[in-house]
């Protein structure tokens, strides 16, 4: 994620006949569109440096699944809590994030671990991603973030059939639970999936990784069985019977004691962690990432 200050790209809500307006920081996007079951389907349009969400039209095939967790702070904010927020938070709107589920030609998925000093989601495993910048397309933002975080330069021509697709939207608030503190950030994250063409295997791509320690402190390519287990843990802890046949460790690129990139083995148990008790000590895969991996796995069902 770039630290250069750019104009923030915000979420806008289109609700006929009321028209279009920017989303308020304190409002639940799903609730705004009348969805009470923590998920719904919306149209997505990037226009004039705004991400416009709407539920107009009747062709559900053109709409994208949007979801948030049952504990989403935006869903549970009261007017008293909203008024207690600092003005600079209360008036900042809802930001746009982009993340890419990058699949190697041999079917492995790239995840990165956010650096421990970051102000939001420190130490959490996520796909490469970050904020959308002015005049960028959603995909260009995803590819830029891959390069900024991992050093891997990709173009559409590196994907099978030059194809990428939006697989879901996630309403993300930080801190992720009201019990962990008052909200300071609110995003709609657009998740993409793209698979690299023949020859661009995880091993070959790993040779190209030179990650940015200011943003990430580890990178790992995970195979389908581990991804399946992570996705299953979205609804709760993975059972012992499920974990038992899984590898206890996987190869990853991490920072050594000299802050140099090195290959090492890391335990897989944190990938299945579902218990958020502390914002700085709990290593886990983010809830939004688990949702995105579930959506990715649906694309693999024949």
Protein backbone atom coordinates (compact mmCIF):
# COMPACT_ATOMS: atom_id res chain seq x y z
CA UNK A 1 0.00 0.00 0.00
CA UNK A 2 1.47 3.34 -1.01
CA UNK A 3 2.17 5.92 1.68
CA UNK A 4 2.07 8.82 -0.79
CA UNK A 5 -0.99 10.97 -0.07
CA UNK A 6 -3.57 10.76 -2.84
CA UNK A 7 -7.16 11.87 -3.08
CA UNK A 8 -9.26 9.27 -1.29
CA UNK A 9 -11.74 7.36 -3.44
CA UNK A 10 -15.02 6.91 -1.59
CA UNK A 11 -18.14 4.77 -1.76
CA UNK A 12 -21.27 6.39 -3.15
CA UNK A 13 -24.79 4.97 -2.78
CA UNK A 14 -27.35 5.15 -5.59
CA UNK A 15 -30.90 4.65 -4.36
CA UNK A 16 -33.67 5.69 -6.76
CA UNK A 17 -35.71 7.83 -6.46
CA UNK A 18 -33.59 9.46 -3.76
CA UNK A 19 -30.57 9.74 -6.02
CA UNK A 20 -26.89 9.32 -5.28
CA UNK A 21 -24.86 10.39 -2.24
CA UNK A 22 -21.62 9.49 -0.52
CA UNK A 23 -21.93 6.83 2.16
CA UNK A 24 -21.65 8.02 5.76
CA UNK A 25 -18.82 6.54 7.81
CA UNK A 26 -21.22 5.34 10.50
CA UNK A 27 -23.82 3.67 8.29
CA UNK A 28 -24.01 -0.02 7.51
CA UNK A 29 -23.96 -0.42 3.73
CA UNK A 30 -25.93 -3.66 3.78
CA UNK A 31 -28.54 -2.14 6.08
CA UNK A 32 -28.87 0.87 3.77
CA UNK A 33 -30.01 -1.42 0.96
CA UNK A 34 -32.39 -3.32 3.24
CA UNK A 35 -30.33 -6.48 3.70
CA UNK A 36 -30.72 -7.87 7.22
CA UNK A 37 -29.05 -11.27 6.81
CA UNK A 38 -25.44 -10.02 6.57
CA UNK A 39 -25.28 -10.50 2.80
CA UNK A 40 -26.89 -9.18 -0.37
CA UNK A 41 -26.26 -8.49 -4.06
CA UNK A 42 -25.35 -5.10 -5.50
CA UNK A 43 -24.35 -3.47 -8.75
CA UNK A 44 -20.82 -2.05 -8.77
CA UNK A 45 -19.75 0.85 -10.97
CA UNK A 46 -16.52 2.85 -10.80
CA UNK A 47 -17.24 6.27 -12.26
CA UNK A 48 -15.81 9.76 -11.74
CA UNK A 49 -13.50 8.46 -9.00
CA UNK A 50 -16.39 7.05 -6.98
CA UNK A 51 -17.36 3.44 -6.32
CA UNK A 52 -21.10 3.57 -6.92
CA UNK A 53 -23.16 0.81 -5.29
CA UNK A 54 -26.81 0.22 -6.15
CA UNK A 55 -29.41 -2.53 -6.24
CA UNK A 56 -31.25 -1.29 -9.31
CA UNK A 57 -32.15 -3.67 -12.11
CA UNK A 58 -33.50 -7.19 -12.02
CA UNK A 59 -30.66 -9.19 -13.58
CA UNK A 60 -29.11 -10.84 -10.52
CA UNK A 61 -26.33 -12.26 -12.71
CA UNK A 62 -24.87 -8.77 -13.06
CA UNK A 63 -24.82 -8.14 -9.33
CA UNK A 64 -21.98 -8.94 -6.94
CA UNK A 65 -22.30 -10.65 -3.55
CA UNK A 66 -21.60 -8.27 -0.66
CA UNK A 67 -21.18 -9.51 2.88
CA UNK A 68 -20.09 -8.52 6.35
CA UNK A 69 -19.73 -10.51 9.58
CA UNK A 70 -22.56 -10.70 12.07
CA UNK A 71 -20.37 -8.72 14.49
CA UNK A 72 -19.72 -5.91 11.99
CA UNK A 73 -19.44 -2.68 14.03
CA UNK A 74 -21.29 -0.65 11.38
CA UNK A 75 -24.33 -2.87 11.90
CA UNK A 76 -24.34 -2.29 15.65
CA UNK A 77 -23.46 1.41 15.94
CA UNK A 78 -25.93 3.41 18.01
CA UNK A 79 -26.49 7.14 17.61
CA UNK A 80 -24.71 7.71 20.94
CA UNK A 81 -21.63 5.82 19.74
CA UNK A 82 -21.69 7.66 16.42
CA UNK A 83 -21.85 11.06 18.13
CA UNK A 84 -18.94 10.08 20.39
CA UNK A 85 -16.64 9.53 17.40
CA UNK A 86 -14.13 12.29 16.64
CA UNK A 87 -15.36 14.57 13.87
CA UNK A 88 -12.49 13.64 11.54
CA UNK A 89 -13.58 9.99 11.80
CA UNK A 90 -17.32 10.59 11.72
CA UNK A 91 -17.06 12.65 8.52
CA UNK A 92 -14.46 10.64 6.58
CA UNK A 93 -16.91 8.52 4.57
CA UNK A 94 -16.37 4.93 3.44
CA UNK A 95 -13.12 4.15 1.64
CA UNK A 96 -12.59 1.77 -1.28
CA UNK A 97 -10.13 -1.10 -1.01
CA UNK A 98 -9.05 -3.60 -3.65
CA UNK A 99 -7.50 -7.03 -3.06
CA UNK A 100 -6.54 -9.76 -5.50
CA UNK A 101 -6.75 -13.51 -4.93
CA UNK A 102 -3.73 -14.34 -7.08
CA UNK A 103 -3.57 -17.97 -8.17
CA UNK A 104 -0.38 -19.45 -9.61
CA UNK A 105 -0.53 -21.66 -12.68
CA UNK A 106 -0.23 -24.69 -10.40
CA UNK A 107 -3.19 -23.66 -8.24
CA UNK A 108 -1.62 -22.01 -5.19
CA UNK A 109 -2.84 -18.77 -3.61
CA UNK A 110 -0.61 -15.91 -2.45
CA UNK A 111 -1.20 -14.45 1.01
CA UNK A 112 0.84 -11.78 2.76
CA UNK A 113 1.15 -11.03 6.47
CA UNK A 114 0.66 -7.37 7.31
CA UNK A 115 3.56 -5.76 9.13
CA UNK A 116 3.13 -5.61 12.93
CA UNK A 117 3.50 -1.82 13.11
CA UNK A 118 0.60 -1.03 10.76
CA UNK A 119 -2.28 0.95 12.24
CA UNK A 120 -4.99 -1.40 10.93
CA UNK A 121 -5.06 -5.21 10.99
CA UNK A 122 -1.41 -5.65 12.08
CA UNK A 123 -0.03 -9.18 11.78
CA UNK A 124 -3.08 -10.40 9.84
CA UNK A 125 -2.83 -12.60 6.72
CA UNK A 126 -4.49 -11.10 3.64
CA UNK A 127 -4.11 -11.17 -0.15
CA UNK A 128 -2.17 -8.27 -1.68
CA UNK A 129 -4.32 -5.17 -1.66
CA UNK A 130 -4.86 -1.60 -0.58
CA UNK A 131 -6.60 1.65 -1.43
CA UNK A 132 -7.87 2.59 -4.84
CA UNK A 133 -6.14 5.70 -6.16
CA UNK A 134 -7.42 8.53 -8.32
CA UNK A 135 -8.12 7.62 -11.98
CA UNK A 136 -7.19 3.95 -11.44
CA UNK A 137 -9.28 1.02 -12.56
CA UNK A 138 -10.05 -1.55 -9.89
CA UNK A 139 -7.79 -4.15 -11.51
CA UNK A 140 -4.93 -1.68 -12.00
CA UNK A 141 -5.11 -0.90 -8.29
CA UNK A 142 -4.86 -4.59 -7.46
CA UNK A 143 -1.86 -5.10 -9.74
CA UNK A 144 -0.15 -2.01 -8.33
CA UNK A 145 -0.60 -3.32 -4.81
CA UNK A 146 0.88 -6.71 -5.78
CA UNK A 147 3.98 -4.93 -7.04
CA UNK A 148 4.26 -2.53 -4.09
CA UNK A 149 3.93 -5.29 -1.51
CA UNK A 150 5.76 -8.19 -3.16
CA UNK A 151 7.87 -6.70 -5.94
CA UNK A 152 6.08 -8.84 -8.56
CA UNK A 153 5.16 -6.86 -11.68
CA UNK A 154 2.10 -8.29 -13.40
CA UNK A 155 0.01 -7.32 -16.40
CA UNK A 156 -3.29 -8.65 -17.71
CA UNK A 157 -1.33 -10.63 -20.31
CA UNK A 158 0.08 -12.75 -17.46
CA UNK A 159 -3.40 -14.12 -16.66
CA UNK A 160 -5.09 -17.07 -18.35
CA UNK A 161 -7.05 -15.59 -21.27
CA UNK A 162 -6.09 -12.16 -19.84
CA UNK A 163 -9.05 -12.69 -17.53
CA UNK A 164 -9.78 -11.45 -14.02
CA UNK A 165 -13.12 -11.23 -12.26
CA UNK A 166 -14.69 -9.62 -9.22
CA UNK A 167 -15.70 -12.41 -6.84
CA UNK A 168 -17.17 -10.42 -3.97
CA UNK A 169 -17.46 -7.27 -1.90
CA UNK A 170 -16.67 -7.13 1.80
CA UNK A 171 -17.78 -4.46 4.25
CA UNK A 172 -14.79 -4.02 6.54
CA UNK A 173 -14.56 -1.95 9.71
CA UNK A 174 -11.53 -1.52 11.98
CA UNK A 175 -11.36 -2.42 14.80
CA UNK A 176 -13.41 -5.43 13.62
CA UNK A 177 -15.55 -5.64 16.78
CA UNK A 178 -17.00 -2.89 18.97
CA UNK A 179 -15.63 -4.68 22.03
CA UNK A 180 -12.13 -3.96 20.70
CA UNK A 181 -12.61 -0.21 20.35
CA UNK A 182 -14.50 2.48 18.46
CA UNK A 183 -14.34 2.34 14.65
CA UNK A 184 -11.58 4.31 12.95
CA UNK A 185 -11.80 2.95 9.40
CA UNK A 186 -14.66 1.74 7.19
CA UNK A 187 -14.10 0.20 3.75
CA UNK A 188 -15.80 -1.67 0.98
CA UNK A 189 -13.17 -4.11 -0.27
CA UNK A 190 -13.47 -5.33 -3.85
CA UNK A 191 -12.01 -8.83 -4.22
CA UNK A 192 -10.66 -10.01 -7.56
CA UNK A 193 -9.49 -13.45 -8.66
CA UNK A 194 -7.02 -14.07 -11.46
CA UNK A 195 -4.99 -17.17 -12.37
CA UNK A 196 -1.53 -16.89 -13.87
CA UNK A 197 -0.87 -18.56 -17.21
CA UNK A 198 1.20 -21.71 -17.78
CA UNK A 199 4.73 -21.61 -16.44
CA UNK A 200 4.04 -18.99 -13.76
CA UNK A 201 4.08 -21.49 -10.90
CA UNK A 202 4.30 -20.62 -7.23
CA UNK A 203 7.97 -21.65 -7.17
CA UNK A 204 8.77 -19.45 -10.16
CA UNK A 205 6.85 -16.49 -8.74
CA UNK A 206 8.51 -16.89 -5.35
CA UNK A 207 11.87 -16.22 -6.99
CA UNK A 208 10.56 -12.78 -8.01
CA UNK A 209 9.30 -11.75 -4.59
CA UNK A 210 11.08 -8.87 -2.89
CA UNK A 211 8.51 -7.76 -0.39
CA UNK A 212 8.28 -4.36 1.22
CA UNK A 213 8.98 -4.68 5.00
CA UNK A 214 7.11 -1.44 5.68
CA UNK A 215 3.93 -3.17 4.54
CA UNK A 216 4.34 -6.95 4.89
CA UNK A 217 6.68 -9.19 6.85
CA UNK A 218 5.89 -12.56 5.23
CA UNK A 219 4.55 -14.07 2.01
CA UNK A 220 3.29 -17.60 1.41
CA UNK A 221 1.79 -19.62 -1.45
CA UNK A 222 -0.85 -22.02 -0.10
CA UNK A 223 -2.18 -25.13 -1.80
CA UNK A 224 -5.84 -26.07 -2.21
CA UNK A 225 -6.12 -28.25 0.91
CA UNK A 226 -4.89 -25.46 3.19
CA UNK A 227 -7.08 -22.88 1.40
CA UNK A 228 -10.08 -25.20 1.86
CA UNK A 229 -9.39 -25.46 5.59
CA UNK A 230 -9.01 -21.68 5.93
CA UNK A 231 -12.31 -21.14 4.13
CA UNK A 232 -14.02 -23.69 6.40
CA UNK A 233 -12.79 -21.81 9.46
CA UNK A 234 -14.83 -18.79 8.29
CA UNK A 235 -17.81 -20.01 10.32
CA UNK A 236 -15.82 -21.25 13.32
CA UNK A 237 -12.83 -23.33 14.41
CA UNK A 238 -11.72 -26.08 12.05
CA UNK A 239 -12.32 -29.48 13.65
CA UNK A 240 -9.40 -31.67 14.68
CA UNK A 241 -10.45 -34.25 12.11
CA UNK A 242 -10.16 -31.59 9.42
CA UNK A 243 -6.82 -30.24 10.58
CA UNK A 244 -5.18 -33.62 11.21
CA UNK A 245 -4.20 -34.45 7.60
CA UNK A 246 -3.08 -30.89 6.88
CA UNK A 247 0.60 -29.90 6.95
CA UNK A 248 1.76 -28.52 10.30
CA UNK A 249 4.18 -26.14 8.60
CA UNK A 250 4.52 -24.53 5.17
CA UNK A 251 7.39 -22.84 3.38
CA UNK A 252 7.23 -19.05 3.45
CA UNK A 253 9.33 -15.97 2.83
CA UNK A 254 9.84 -14.06 6.08
CA UNK A 255 12.14 -11.46 7.60
CA UNK A 256 15.09 -12.80 9.59
CA UNK A 257 16.67 -11.13 12.64
CA UNK A 258 18.60 -8.80 10.32
CA UNK A 259 15.40 -7.73 8.52
CA UNK A 260 16.50 -9.68 5.46
CA UNK A 261 14.12 -11.78 3.35
CA UNK A 262 14.68 -15.51 3.82
CA UNK A 263 12.92 -18.83 3.22
CA UNK A 264 11.71 -20.54 6.35
CA UNK A 265 8.94 -22.80 7.64
CA UNK A 266 6.00 -21.32 9.50
CA UNK A 267 3.20 -23.11 11.39
CA UNK A 268 -0.18 -23.40 9.68
CA UNK A 269 -2.26 -23.29 12.88
CA UNK A 270 -2.62 -19.46 12.86
CA UNK A 271 -4.30 -19.67 9.45
CA UNK A 272 -7.30 -21.38 11.08
CA UNK A 273 -7.51 -19.02 14.06
CA UNK A 274 -10.97 -17.53 14.56
CA UNK A 275 -10.61 -16.01 18.04
CA UNK A 276 -9.97 -12.26 18.00
CA UNK A 277 -8.95 -11.28 21.53
CA UNK A 278 -6.31 -8.64 20.89
CA UNK A 279 -5.62 -6.32 17.98
CA UNK A 280 -1.85 -6.76 18.11
CA UNK A 281 -1.25 -10.33 19.29
CA UNK A 282 -3.64 -12.48 17.27
CA UNK A 283 -2.13 -13.84 14.06
CA UNK A 284 -4.94 -15.01 11.81
CA UNK A 285 -6.41 -14.80 8.33
CA UNK A 286 -8.78 -11.84 8.14
CA UNK A 287 -12.50 -12.61 8.07
CA UNK A 288 -12.84 -10.81 4.75
CA UNK A 289 -10.07 -12.94 3.27
CA UNK A 290 -11.86 -16.11 4.38
CA UNK A 291 -14.99 -14.86 2.64
CA UNK A 292 -12.98 -14.16 -0.53
CA UNK A 293 -11.42 -17.63 -0.41
CA UNK A 294 -14.88 -19.16 -0.13
CA UNK A 295 -15.90 -17.22 -3.22
CA UNK A 296 -12.72 -18.31 -5.01
CA UNK A 297 -13.42 -21.97 -4.25
CA UNK A 298 -16.88 -21.62 -5.80
CA UNK A 299 -15.16 -20.79 -9.11
CA UNK A 300 -13.41 -24.17 -8.93
CA UNK A 301 -16.59 -26.22 -8.66
CA UNK A 302 -17.14 -28.02 -11.95
